[in-house]
N, C-alpha and C. Protein backbone atom coordinates (compact mmCIF):
# COMPACT_ATOMS: atom_id res chain seq x y z
N MET A 1 90.49 116.56 42.08
CA MET A 1 90.46 115.23 42.76
C MET A 1 89.06 114.61 42.68
N GLU A 2 88.80 113.44 42.27
CA GLU A 2 87.50 112.96 42.19
C GLU A 2 86.89 112.64 43.49
N GLY A 3 85.51 112.79 43.74
CA GLY A 3 84.91 112.43 44.84
C GLY A 3 84.51 111.00 44.96
N PRO A 4 83.80 110.63 46.07
CA PRO A 4 83.35 109.17 46.17
C PRO A 4 82.53 108.83 45.11
N PHE A 5 82.53 107.50 44.63
CA PHE A 5 81.78 107.06 43.58
C PHE A 5 80.72 105.98 44.17
N PRO A 6 79.57 105.89 43.47
CA PRO A 6 78.62 105.07 44.01
C PRO A 6 78.70 103.57 43.79
N VAL A 7 78.40 102.88 44.71
CA VAL A 7 78.53 101.38 44.67
C VAL A 7 77.14 100.80 45.11
N HIS A 8 76.69 99.81 44.26
CA HIS A 8 75.50 99.14 44.35
C HIS A 8 75.56 97.69 44.71
N PRO A 9 75.25 97.44 46.17
CA PRO A 9 75.42 95.92 46.48
C PRO A 9 74.18 95.11 46.11
N PHE A 10 74.47 93.94 45.52
CA PHE A 10 73.36 93.04 45.27
C PHE A 10 73.63 91.59 45.85
N TYR A 11 72.65 91.02 46.47
CA TYR A 11 72.72 89.76 47.04
C TYR A 11 71.76 88.80 46.27
N ILE A 12 72.22 87.68 45.92
CA ILE A 12 71.46 86.49 45.51
C ILE A 12 71.22 85.42 46.65
N VAL A 13 69.95 85.42 47.20
CA VAL A 13 69.74 84.48 48.24
C VAL A 13 68.84 83.37 47.68
N CYS A 14 69.39 82.06 47.39
CA CYS A 14 68.83 81.17 46.70
C CYS A 14 68.63 79.80 47.46
N ASP A 15 67.39 79.40 47.31
CA ASP A 15 66.90 78.17 47.89
C ASP A 15 67.51 76.99 47.19
N GLU A 16 68.21 75.92 48.08
CA GLU A 16 68.85 74.79 47.56
C GLU A 16 68.24 73.59 48.27
N SER A 17 66.90 73.61 48.45
CA SER A 17 66.42 72.49 49.13
C SER A 17 66.06 71.36 48.06
N LYS A 18 65.58 70.23 48.49
CA LYS A 18 65.19 69.13 47.56
C LYS A 18 64.44 69.47 46.38
N SER A 19 63.35 70.46 46.68
CA SER A 19 62.55 70.89 45.48
C SER A 19 63.34 71.58 44.39
N MET A 20 64.61 72.02 44.60
CA MET A 20 65.33 72.52 43.60
C MET A 20 66.20 71.47 42.81
N GLU A 21 66.16 70.22 43.17
CA GLU A 21 66.97 69.26 42.61
C GLU A 21 66.70 69.14 41.18
N GLY A 22 67.70 68.94 40.28
CA GLY A 22 67.48 68.67 39.00
C GLY A 22 67.61 69.92 38.20
N VAL A 23 66.55 70.15 37.28
CA VAL A 23 66.63 71.21 36.28
C VAL A 23 66.80 72.65 36.89
N ALA A 24 66.03 72.88 38.05
CA ALA A 24 65.94 74.26 38.65
C ALA A 24 67.32 74.46 39.18
N ILE A 25 67.95 73.76 39.87
CA ILE A 25 69.28 74.15 40.45
C ILE A 25 70.34 74.14 39.43
N GLU A 26 70.32 73.36 38.36
CA GLU A 26 71.23 73.37 37.29
C GLU A 26 71.06 74.63 36.55
N SER A 27 69.90 75.16 36.47
CA SER A 27 69.72 76.42 35.62
C SER A 27 70.21 77.56 36.45
N ILE A 28 70.13 77.55 37.74
CA ILE A 28 70.66 78.68 38.51
C ILE A 28 72.17 78.65 38.46
N ASN A 29 72.69 77.40 38.58
CA ASN A 29 74.15 77.16 38.64
C ASN A 29 74.80 77.62 37.15
N HIS A 30 73.92 77.44 36.17
CA HIS A 30 74.32 77.89 34.74
C HIS A 30 74.30 79.45 34.75
N ALA A 31 73.33 80.08 35.45
CA ALA A 31 73.06 81.54 35.34
C ALA A 31 74.22 82.29 36.08
N LEU A 32 74.63 81.72 37.30
CA LEU A 32 75.55 82.47 37.94
C LEU A 32 76.87 82.89 37.36
N PRO A 33 77.46 81.86 36.80
CA PRO A 33 78.69 82.21 36.05
C PRO A 33 78.48 83.14 34.81
N GLU A 34 77.33 83.19 34.20
CA GLU A 34 77.00 84.14 33.07
C GLU A 34 76.88 85.47 33.77
N ILE A 35 76.23 85.60 34.87
CA ILE A 35 76.14 87.04 35.59
C ILE A 35 77.49 87.53 35.90
N HIS A 36 78.27 86.63 36.46
CA HIS A 36 79.64 86.91 36.76
C HIS A 36 80.40 87.40 35.79
N LYS A 37 80.39 86.79 34.69
CA LYS A 37 81.19 87.21 33.44
C LYS A 37 80.53 88.50 32.86
N ALA A 38 79.29 88.61 32.75
CA ALA A 38 78.59 89.86 32.18
C ALA A 38 79.11 91.09 33.09
N ILE A 39 79.06 91.02 34.32
CA ILE A 39 79.50 92.14 35.11
C ILE A 39 81.09 92.39 34.94
N ALA A 40 81.75 91.40 35.15
CA ALA A 40 83.25 91.48 35.12
C ALA A 40 83.85 92.11 33.81
N CYS A 41 83.16 91.78 32.71
CA CYS A 41 83.61 92.11 31.25
C CYS A 41 83.06 93.67 31.00
N ASP A 42 82.34 94.20 31.76
CA ASP A 42 81.79 95.58 31.58
C ASP A 42 82.35 96.50 32.67
N PRO A 43 83.29 97.45 32.17
CA PRO A 43 84.09 98.19 33.09
C PRO A 43 83.12 98.99 34.01
N VAL A 44 82.06 99.65 33.37
CA VAL A 44 81.21 100.55 34.23
C VAL A 44 80.48 99.81 35.21
N CYS A 45 79.73 98.56 34.88
CA CYS A 45 79.14 97.75 35.91
C CYS A 45 80.17 97.34 36.90
N ASN A 46 81.17 96.74 36.50
CA ASN A 46 82.17 96.24 37.38
C ASN A 46 82.54 97.13 38.54
N ASP A 47 82.72 98.46 38.16
CA ASP A 47 83.11 99.38 39.01
C ASP A 47 82.01 99.70 40.10
N LYS A 48 80.76 99.63 39.57
CA LYS A 48 79.53 100.07 40.44
C LYS A 48 79.04 98.87 41.20
N VAL A 49 79.10 97.79 40.87
CA VAL A 49 78.38 96.67 41.26
C VAL A 49 79.26 95.69 42.12
N ARG A 50 78.57 95.22 43.29
CA ARG A 50 79.05 94.33 44.10
C ARG A 50 78.10 93.12 44.26
N VAL A 51 78.55 91.91 44.28
CA VAL A 51 77.59 90.80 44.25
C VAL A 51 77.96 89.76 45.40
N GLY A 52 77.02 89.24 46.13
CA GLY A 52 77.18 88.27 47.15
C GLY A 52 76.16 87.25 46.95
N VAL A 53 76.49 86.03 47.22
CA VAL A 53 75.45 84.85 47.08
C VAL A 53 75.30 84.06 48.39
N ILE A 54 74.16 83.89 48.77
CA ILE A 54 73.71 83.14 50.02
C ILE A 54 72.94 82.08 49.56
N SER A 55 73.13 80.71 50.05
CA SER A 55 72.37 79.53 49.84
C SER A 55 71.61 79.20 51.16
N PHE A 56 70.63 78.49 51.03
CA PHE A 56 69.85 78.11 52.27
C PHE A 56 69.13 76.85 51.95
N SER A 57 68.98 76.00 53.06
CA SER A 57 68.14 74.84 53.05
C SER A 57 67.52 74.84 54.48
N ASN A 58 68.04 73.83 55.26
CA ASN A 58 67.78 73.88 56.73
C ASN A 58 68.69 74.92 57.31
N SER A 59 69.91 75.04 56.98
CA SER A 59 70.81 76.17 57.40
C SER A 59 71.12 77.10 56.14
N ALA A 60 71.75 78.12 56.51
CA ALA A 60 72.11 79.16 55.47
C ALA A 60 73.50 79.57 55.55
N GLU A 61 74.13 79.76 54.38
CA GLU A 61 75.60 80.08 54.37
C GLU A 61 75.92 81.08 53.19
N VAL A 62 77.07 81.81 53.49
CA VAL A 62 77.40 82.68 52.48
C VAL A 62 78.32 82.00 51.50
N LEU A 63 77.70 81.73 50.36
CA LEU A 63 78.67 81.09 49.36
C LEU A 63 79.63 82.03 48.62
N LEU A 64 79.32 83.19 48.49
CA LEU A 64 80.21 84.31 47.95
C LEU A 64 80.08 85.61 48.79
N PRO A 65 81.03 85.92 49.48
CA PRO A 65 80.97 87.24 50.17
C PRO A 65 80.80 88.52 49.15
N LEU A 66 80.41 89.56 49.61
CA LEU A 66 80.02 90.64 48.57
C LEU A 66 81.40 91.03 47.92
N SER A 67 81.36 90.85 46.49
CA SER A 67 82.73 90.96 45.79
C SER A 67 82.61 91.86 44.56
N ILE A 68 83.82 92.45 44.21
CA ILE A 68 83.89 92.89 42.72
C ILE A 68 84.14 91.68 41.87
N MET A 69 83.27 91.60 40.89
CA MET A 69 83.22 90.52 40.03
C MET A 69 84.63 90.18 39.28
N SER A 70 85.33 91.20 38.91
CA SER A 70 86.77 90.95 38.17
C SER A 70 87.65 90.53 39.19
N ASP A 71 87.54 90.45 40.36
CA ASP A 71 88.40 90.13 41.62
C ASP A 71 88.24 88.58 41.81
N ILE A 72 87.24 88.05 41.50
CA ILE A 72 87.08 86.43 41.78
C ILE A 72 87.12 85.73 40.38
N LEU A 73 87.47 84.40 40.54
CA LEU A 73 87.58 83.47 39.41
C LEU A 73 86.17 82.89 39.09
N GLY A 74 85.36 82.74 40.02
CA GLY A 74 84.06 82.16 39.64
C GLY A 74 83.08 82.17 40.89
N VAL A 75 81.80 81.90 40.62
CA VAL A 75 80.90 81.79 41.79
C VAL A 75 80.58 80.25 42.02
N PRO A 76 80.61 79.99 43.48
CA PRO A 76 80.38 78.58 43.77
C PRO A 76 78.89 78.15 43.49
N GLY A 77 78.74 76.83 43.16
CA GLY A 77 77.48 76.36 42.67
C GLY A 77 76.56 76.00 44.03
N LEU A 78 75.23 75.82 43.53
CA LEU A 78 74.46 75.31 44.56
C LEU A 78 74.28 73.80 44.67
N VAL A 79 74.08 73.27 45.79
CA VAL A 79 73.80 71.71 45.78
C VAL A 79 72.47 71.49 46.58
N ALA A 80 71.65 70.69 45.97
CA ALA A 80 70.37 70.26 46.58
C ALA A 80 70.56 69.68 48.07
N LYS A 81 69.81 70.12 49.14
CA LYS A 81 69.92 69.53 50.48
C LYS A 81 68.45 69.55 51.04
N ASP A 82 68.42 69.18 52.28
CA ASP A 82 66.91 69.00 52.94
C ASP A 82 66.60 70.33 53.46
N GLY A 83 65.39 70.62 53.60
CA GLY A 83 64.72 71.79 54.21
C GLY A 83 64.67 72.97 53.55
N THR A 84 63.91 74.01 53.94
CA THR A 84 63.68 75.38 53.12
C THR A 84 63.42 76.35 54.49
N ASN A 85 64.45 76.56 55.14
CA ASN A 85 64.27 77.52 56.24
C ASN A 85 64.56 78.83 55.83
N TYR A 86 63.40 79.64 55.88
CA TYR A 86 63.50 81.09 55.37
C TYR A 86 64.12 81.81 56.48
N GLY A 87 63.76 81.49 57.68
CA GLY A 87 64.32 82.35 58.79
C GLY A 87 65.77 82.39 58.97
N ASN A 88 66.45 81.17 58.69
CA ASN A 88 67.72 81.11 58.75
C ASN A 88 68.41 81.94 57.56
N ALA A 89 67.80 81.91 56.47
CA ALA A 89 68.22 82.68 55.19
C ALA A 89 68.28 84.16 55.56
N PHE A 90 67.28 84.64 56.16
CA PHE A 90 67.11 86.20 56.49
C PHE A 90 68.12 86.48 57.54
N THR A 91 68.38 85.58 58.56
CA THR A 91 69.26 85.97 59.62
C THR A 91 70.71 85.92 59.10
N CYS A 92 71.02 85.07 58.16
CA CYS A 92 72.25 85.08 57.52
C CYS A 92 72.49 86.34 56.64
N LEU A 93 71.47 86.71 55.84
CA LEU A 93 71.47 87.88 55.14
C LEU A 93 71.69 89.12 55.90
N LYS A 94 71.01 89.20 57.05
CA LYS A 94 71.21 90.57 57.86
C LYS A 94 72.57 90.59 58.40
N LYS A 95 73.27 89.48 58.74
CA LYS A 95 74.61 89.65 59.20
C LYS A 95 75.56 89.99 58.13
N ALA A 96 75.24 89.38 56.82
CA ALA A 96 76.19 89.68 55.74
C ALA A 96 76.02 91.05 55.36
N ILE A 97 74.90 91.50 55.29
CA ILE A 97 74.70 92.95 54.86
C ILE A 97 75.36 93.90 55.93
N HIS A 98 75.13 93.70 57.14
CA HIS A 98 75.71 94.45 58.18
C HIS A 98 77.26 94.58 58.04
N ASP A 99 77.90 93.24 57.96
CA ASP A 99 79.35 93.29 57.88
C ASP A 99 79.78 93.81 56.50
N ASP A 100 79.18 93.57 55.45
CA ASP A 100 79.70 93.95 54.04
C ASP A 100 79.62 95.60 53.97
N ILE A 101 78.49 96.08 54.27
CA ILE A 101 78.21 97.61 54.11
C ILE A 101 79.09 98.30 55.07
N THR A 102 79.22 97.81 56.44
CA THR A 102 80.17 98.45 57.25
C THR A 102 81.56 98.63 56.81
N ALA A 103 81.99 97.45 56.13
CA ALA A 103 83.31 97.52 55.61
C ALA A 103 83.39 98.30 54.37
N LEU A 104 82.41 98.53 53.62
CA LEU A 104 82.36 99.29 52.42
C LEU A 104 82.44 100.74 52.79
N ILE A 105 81.64 101.05 53.87
CA ILE A 105 81.65 102.54 54.39
C ILE A 105 82.99 102.96 54.78
N ALA A 106 83.66 102.02 55.44
CA ALA A 106 85.02 102.28 56.11
C ALA A 106 86.13 102.67 54.88
N GLN A 107 85.77 102.40 53.66
CA GLN A 107 86.69 102.77 52.66
C GLN A 107 86.73 104.30 52.36
N ARG A 108 85.62 104.99 52.67
CA ARG A 108 85.47 106.36 52.60
C ARG A 108 85.42 106.87 51.36
N ASP A 109 85.81 106.08 50.29
CA ASP A 109 85.79 106.66 48.85
C ASP A 109 84.65 106.28 48.09
N VAL A 110 83.64 105.69 48.71
CA VAL A 110 82.41 105.20 48.15
C VAL A 110 81.17 105.70 48.76
N ILE A 111 80.08 105.81 48.01
CA ILE A 111 78.89 106.06 48.40
C ILE A 111 78.10 104.82 48.21
N VAL A 112 77.58 104.24 49.28
CA VAL A 112 76.85 102.98 49.31
C VAL A 112 75.42 103.16 49.19
N ASN A 113 74.93 102.66 47.96
CA ASN A 113 73.47 102.64 47.77
C ASN A 113 72.68 101.45 48.54
N ARG A 114 71.36 101.64 48.68
CA ARG A 114 70.72 100.57 49.49
C ARG A 114 70.93 99.23 48.73
N PRO A 115 71.02 98.23 49.47
CA PRO A 115 71.24 96.88 49.04
C PRO A 115 70.02 96.40 48.18
N ILE A 116 70.21 95.61 47.13
CA ILE A 116 69.04 94.91 46.52
C ILE A 116 69.32 93.38 46.58
N VAL A 117 68.18 92.83 47.10
CA VAL A 117 68.29 91.31 47.29
C VAL A 117 67.43 90.55 46.28
N PHE A 118 67.94 89.58 45.69
CA PHE A 118 67.06 88.61 44.67
C PHE A 118 66.87 87.34 45.68
N PHE A 119 65.66 87.26 46.21
CA PHE A 119 65.31 86.12 46.94
C PHE A 119 64.64 85.07 45.93
N ILE A 120 65.15 83.97 45.83
CA ILE A 120 64.69 82.89 44.91
C ILE A 120 64.47 81.64 45.55
N SER A 121 62.95 81.13 45.50
CA SER A 121 62.68 80.02 46.16
C SER A 121 61.65 79.12 45.24
N GLY A 122 62.01 77.68 45.33
CA GLY A 122 60.93 76.97 44.69
C GLY A 122 60.12 76.07 45.59
N SER A 123 60.05 76.48 46.93
CA SER A 123 59.29 75.76 47.81
C SER A 123 58.79 76.69 48.86
N GLU A 124 57.88 76.13 49.68
CA GLU A 124 57.48 76.82 50.88
C GLU A 124 58.35 76.78 52.05
N PRO A 125 58.34 77.66 52.97
CA PRO A 125 59.26 77.65 54.12
C PRO A 125 58.84 76.32 54.91
N THR A 126 59.88 75.66 55.58
CA THR A 126 59.64 74.70 56.51
C THR A 126 59.53 75.12 57.94
N ASP A 127 59.97 76.36 58.20
CA ASP A 127 59.86 77.02 59.44
C ASP A 127 58.63 77.93 59.55
N THR A 128 57.93 77.88 60.68
CA THR A 128 56.61 78.59 60.72
C THR A 128 56.98 80.11 61.31
N ASN A 129 58.03 80.45 61.83
CA ASN A 129 58.28 81.75 62.35
C ASN A 129 59.23 82.61 61.52
N TRP A 130 59.26 82.24 60.22
CA TRP A 130 60.47 83.06 59.38
C TRP A 130 60.05 84.50 59.29
N GLN A 131 58.82 84.96 59.42
CA GLN A 131 58.48 86.32 59.40
C GLN A 131 59.25 87.27 60.35
N ALA A 132 59.55 86.62 61.45
CA ALA A 132 60.32 87.53 62.52
C ALA A 132 61.77 87.78 61.96
N ALA A 133 62.38 86.90 61.45
CA ALA A 133 63.74 87.19 60.84
C ALA A 133 63.67 88.15 59.64
N HIS A 134 62.72 87.87 58.91
CA HIS A 134 62.31 88.80 57.72
C HIS A 134 62.09 90.29 58.11
N ASN A 135 61.28 90.26 59.14
CA ASN A 135 60.95 91.75 59.66
C ASN A 135 62.13 92.33 60.18
N VAL A 136 63.09 91.73 60.72
CA VAL A 136 64.27 92.42 61.23
C VAL A 136 65.13 93.01 60.07
N VAL A 137 65.33 92.20 58.96
CA VAL A 137 65.96 92.58 57.63
C VAL A 137 65.22 93.72 57.01
N ALA A 138 63.90 93.54 56.92
CA ALA A 138 62.99 94.62 56.16
C ALA A 138 62.69 95.87 56.95
N ASP A 139 63.13 95.96 58.32
CA ASP A 139 62.75 97.04 58.97
C ASP A 139 63.49 98.40 58.40
N LYS A 140 62.74 99.25 57.88
CA LYS A 140 63.25 100.51 57.32
C LYS A 140 63.85 101.41 58.47
N ASN A 141 63.84 101.22 59.64
CA ASN A 141 64.59 102.00 60.55
C ASN A 141 65.90 101.48 60.58
N TRP A 142 66.27 100.30 60.15
CA TRP A 142 67.61 99.79 59.97
C TRP A 142 68.38 100.56 58.87
N PRO A 143 69.53 101.28 59.01
CA PRO A 143 70.00 102.06 57.92
C PRO A 143 70.36 101.14 56.63
N PHE A 144 70.66 99.78 56.83
CA PHE A 144 71.19 99.05 55.73
C PHE A 144 70.03 98.26 55.19
N SER A 145 68.75 98.44 55.51
CA SER A 145 67.69 97.67 55.04
C SER A 145 67.51 97.58 53.71
N PRO A 146 67.51 96.37 52.89
CA PRO A 146 67.61 96.26 51.50
C PRO A 146 66.28 96.40 50.95
N HIS A 147 66.29 96.46 49.56
CA HIS A 147 64.94 96.17 48.82
C HIS A 147 65.03 94.72 48.56
N ILE A 148 64.00 93.95 48.70
CA ILE A 148 63.98 92.56 48.45
C ILE A 148 63.00 92.34 47.30
N VAL A 149 63.61 91.77 46.11
CA VAL A 149 62.88 91.40 44.89
C VAL A 149 62.72 89.78 45.15
N ALA A 150 61.58 89.26 45.13
CA ALA A 150 61.29 87.91 45.43
C ALA A 150 60.82 87.15 44.15
N ILE A 151 61.43 86.03 43.95
CA ILE A 151 61.16 85.25 42.63
C ILE A 151 60.66 83.86 43.13
N GLY A 152 59.52 83.36 42.80
CA GLY A 152 59.07 82.07 43.25
C GLY A 152 58.67 81.25 41.91
N PHE A 153 58.75 79.93 42.26
CA PHE A 153 58.35 78.97 41.12
C PHE A 153 58.10 77.67 41.83
N GLY A 154 57.73 76.76 41.04
CA GLY A 154 57.54 75.35 41.45
C GLY A 154 56.43 75.38 42.63
N GLU A 155 56.93 74.78 43.89
CA GLU A 155 56.02 74.52 44.88
C GLU A 155 55.85 75.78 45.82
N ALA A 156 56.57 76.84 45.66
CA ALA A 156 56.42 78.04 46.38
C ALA A 156 55.10 78.52 45.99
N GLN A 157 54.49 79.37 47.11
CA GLN A 157 53.18 79.86 46.87
C GLN A 157 53.07 81.41 46.57
N THR A 158 52.35 81.96 45.91
CA THR A 158 52.36 83.28 45.38
C THR A 158 52.24 84.26 46.62
N GLU A 159 51.44 83.87 47.61
CA GLU A 159 51.13 84.77 48.67
C GLU A 159 52.48 84.85 49.48
N THR A 160 53.16 83.82 49.62
CA THR A 160 54.56 83.72 50.44
C THR A 160 55.49 84.51 49.68
N ILE A 161 55.59 84.46 48.39
CA ILE A 161 56.55 85.33 47.53
C ILE A 161 56.10 86.75 47.77
N ARG A 162 54.89 87.11 47.77
CA ARG A 162 54.47 88.57 47.98
C ARG A 162 54.94 88.96 49.27
N GLU A 163 54.81 88.17 50.34
CA GLU A 163 55.29 88.59 51.73
C GLU A 163 56.73 88.73 51.87
N VAL A 164 57.52 87.98 51.06
CA VAL A 164 58.97 88.31 51.12
C VAL A 164 59.39 89.53 50.48
N ALA A 165 58.75 90.00 49.42
CA ALA A 165 59.08 91.20 48.71
C ALA A 165 58.84 92.39 49.57
N THR A 166 59.69 93.40 49.56
CA THR A 166 59.60 94.66 50.31
C THR A 166 59.00 95.72 49.50
N GLY A 167 58.37 96.71 50.06
CA GLY A 167 57.69 97.78 49.37
C GLY A 167 58.94 98.80 49.05
N VAL A 168 58.81 99.42 47.98
CA VAL A 168 59.72 100.31 47.34
C VAL A 168 59.14 101.70 47.22
N GLY A 169 59.88 102.85 47.59
CA GLY A 169 59.32 104.17 47.33
C GLY A 169 58.07 104.49 48.19
N ARG A 170 57.61 105.56 47.93
CA ARG A 170 56.39 106.20 48.63
C ARG A 170 55.17 105.38 48.34
N SER A 171 55.10 104.79 47.20
CA SER A 171 53.97 104.07 46.83
C SER A 171 53.87 102.69 47.40
N GLY A 172 55.18 102.18 47.82
CA GLY A 172 55.22 100.95 48.46
C GLY A 172 55.11 99.78 47.54
N GLU A 173 55.41 100.00 46.32
CA GLU A 173 55.33 99.10 45.25
C GLU A 173 56.34 97.89 45.52
N GLN A 174 55.67 96.64 45.25
CA GLN A 174 56.57 95.44 45.52
C GLN A 174 57.07 94.85 44.13
N PHE A 175 58.05 94.22 44.27
CA PHE A 175 58.69 93.56 43.08
C PHE A 175 58.82 92.14 43.38
N ALA A 176 57.55 91.43 43.19
CA ALA A 176 57.32 89.92 43.50
C ALA A 176 57.14 89.31 42.02
N TYR A 177 57.71 88.23 41.82
CA TYR A 177 57.61 87.42 40.60
C TYR A 177 57.42 86.07 40.67
N PHE A 178 56.49 85.53 39.75
CA PHE A 178 56.45 83.91 39.73
C PHE A 178 56.67 83.46 38.36
N ALA A 179 57.47 82.54 38.26
CA ALA A 179 57.61 81.82 37.08
C ALA A 179 56.66 80.79 36.78
N ASP A 180 56.30 80.61 35.48
CA ASP A 180 55.24 79.57 35.04
C ASP A 180 56.05 78.24 35.05
N ASP A 181 55.27 77.19 34.82
CA ASP A 181 55.80 75.89 34.96
C ASP A 181 56.94 75.51 33.88
N ASN A 182 56.92 76.24 32.84
CA ASN A 182 57.86 76.03 31.77
C ASN A 182 59.07 76.87 31.78
N ALA A 183 59.10 77.82 32.83
CA ALA A 183 60.18 78.80 32.88
C ALA A 183 61.44 78.21 33.36
N ASP A 184 62.53 78.71 33.00
CA ASP A 184 63.88 78.40 33.46
C ASP A 184 64.35 79.41 34.48
N PRO A 185 64.26 79.09 35.79
CA PRO A 185 64.64 80.17 36.88
C PRO A 185 66.02 80.83 36.63
N GLY A 186 66.95 80.07 36.00
CA GLY A 186 68.17 80.73 35.72
C GLY A 186 67.91 81.89 34.56
N LEU A 187 67.30 81.58 33.61
CA LEU A 187 66.98 82.71 32.67
C LEU A 187 66.19 83.78 33.28
N VAL A 188 65.26 83.52 34.15
CA VAL A 188 64.58 84.60 34.69
C VAL A 188 65.42 85.50 35.56
N LEU A 189 66.48 84.87 36.20
CA LEU A 189 67.50 85.68 37.02
C LEU A 189 68.29 86.55 35.99
N ASN A 190 68.77 85.88 35.02
CA ASN A 190 69.49 86.65 34.05
C ASN A 190 68.78 87.98 33.41
N GLU A 191 67.45 87.58 33.10
CA GLU A 191 66.64 88.75 32.52
C GLU A 191 66.53 89.98 33.62
N ILE A 192 66.46 89.54 34.80
CA ILE A 192 66.28 90.62 35.77
C ILE A 192 67.57 91.43 35.93
N PHE A 193 68.80 90.56 35.96
CA PHE A 193 69.90 91.26 36.06
C PHE A 193 70.26 92.22 34.75
N LYS A 194 69.80 91.80 33.63
CA LYS A 194 69.97 92.53 32.49
C LYS A 194 69.25 93.83 32.56
N SER A 195 67.95 93.80 33.08
CA SER A 195 67.18 94.98 33.31
C SER A 195 67.91 95.96 34.32
N ILE A 196 68.45 95.41 35.35
CA ILE A 196 69.18 96.23 36.31
C ILE A 196 70.27 96.86 35.70
N PHE A 197 71.19 96.10 34.84
CA PHE A 197 72.37 96.63 34.24
C PHE A 197 71.92 97.74 33.29
N ARG A 198 70.85 97.70 32.57
CA ARG A 198 70.46 98.69 31.66
C ARG A 198 70.01 99.91 32.63
N SER A 199 69.47 99.78 33.66
CA SER A 199 69.16 100.91 34.59
C SER A 199 70.42 101.50 35.07
N LEU A 200 71.40 100.73 35.42
CA LEU A 200 72.66 101.23 36.04
C LEU A 200 73.37 102.11 34.90
N LEU A 201 73.46 101.48 33.60
CA LEU A 201 74.17 102.21 32.60
C LEU A 201 73.43 103.56 32.22
N GLY A 202 72.12 103.45 32.35
CA GLY A 202 71.32 104.64 31.90
C GLY A 202 71.30 105.56 33.05
N GLY A 203 71.88 105.48 34.19
CA GLY A 203 71.81 106.42 35.31
C GLY A 203 70.46 106.41 36.07
N GLN A 204 69.58 105.25 35.87
CA GLN A 204 68.32 105.20 36.40
C GLN A 204 68.32 104.65 37.72
N ILE A 205 69.35 104.18 38.31
CA ILE A 205 69.46 103.73 39.86
C ILE A 205 70.03 104.78 40.48
N GLY A 206 69.32 105.50 41.60
CA GLY A 206 69.82 106.59 42.22
C GLY A 206 70.38 106.15 43.66
N PRO A 207 70.51 107.28 44.58
CA PRO A 207 71.04 106.86 45.72
C PRO A 207 70.15 106.14 46.60
N GLY A 208 68.89 106.08 46.38
CA GLY A 208 68.03 105.23 47.18
C GLY A 208 67.99 103.79 46.60
N GLY A 209 68.76 103.40 45.64
CA GLY A 209 68.82 102.19 45.09
C GLY A 209 67.65 101.72 44.50
N LEU A 210 66.84 102.65 43.85
CA LEU A 210 65.55 102.39 43.08
C LEU A 210 65.93 101.92 41.74
N TYR A 211 64.94 101.08 41.26
CA TYR A 211 65.24 100.44 40.00
C TYR A 211 64.06 100.26 39.15
N LEU A 212 64.09 99.97 37.95
CA LEU A 212 62.95 99.80 37.00
C LEU A 212 62.21 98.60 37.28
N PRO A 213 60.89 98.39 36.98
CA PRO A 213 60.28 97.17 37.03
C PRO A 213 60.86 96.39 35.88
N VAL A 214 60.86 95.00 36.08
CA VAL A 214 61.31 94.08 34.90
C VAL A 214 60.29 93.07 34.72
N THR A 215 60.19 92.76 33.34
CA THR A 215 59.31 91.81 33.01
C THR A 215 60.06 90.87 31.95
N GLY A 216 59.48 89.86 31.65
CA GLY A 216 60.15 89.00 30.64
C GLY A 216 59.43 87.64 30.44
N PRO A 217 59.76 86.89 29.45
CA PRO A 217 59.19 85.68 29.03
C PRO A 217 59.07 84.54 30.19
N GLY A 218 58.17 84.04 30.52
CA GLY A 218 58.20 82.90 31.50
C GLY A 218 57.94 83.26 32.94
N PHE A 219 57.79 84.54 33.33
CA PHE A 219 57.52 85.01 34.60
C PHE A 219 56.65 86.24 34.55
N ILE A 220 55.78 86.39 35.58
CA ILE A 220 54.84 87.53 35.65
C ILE A 220 55.14 88.27 37.06
N LYS A 221 54.77 89.57 36.91
CA LYS A 221 54.83 90.33 38.27
C LYS A 221 53.51 90.11 38.98
N LEU A 222 53.68 89.67 40.28
CA LEU A 222 52.43 89.58 40.98
C LEU A 222 51.87 90.81 41.52
N ASN A 223 50.69 90.92 41.39
CA ASN A 223 49.95 92.11 41.80
C ASN A 223 49.96 92.28 43.38
N GLU A 224 49.95 93.40 43.98
CA GLU A 224 50.00 93.58 45.39
C GLU A 224 48.40 93.24 45.82
N SER A 225 48.43 92.80 46.93
CA SER A 225 47.13 92.41 47.59
C SER A 225 46.78 93.36 48.82
């Protein structure tokens, strides 16, 4: 009889403020179905990966609960709205992770690895106390605390994107990226997922949810300060 198998939860937390209107939000909406298809069509990744999507503007909502990709028909698209409330995004993320991981653990036939979050923003937060909600999610004393990969572009500031990304491993290395003016944020997201998939298939993501650094055209890894 086979024992429990590993599951890797991924969350895409995406800004849908006015700054995303046009090409940026269209590129993300193009990338999400491609990611869905790539996972659903690969039996190994489909078994190991669960993906959830959260959008935020003034408020935040779960667009897609953490799901097996082959079990869903598609991923809901983003729609540009007002505001960029980071605090609400992290509060929504905290509840989603708690509820989803609790449900996964209750299945008893899985080993749930540390969640990995892709936080994508093209603007600066409109709330001034967002760090409080971020700290609650990033608190390493919380058993479900995720690794947060932060991706910024457009009007977002590099220092803010660094602050969102969490440290990984004993070295505390951060995975914070910034896309240049000509980069397509959807392609950036796709490139990062491809790197993650290569790590999964190569057995390079372990129980701690660690992953390889990713690089690609159009975006740079920010140095820690």
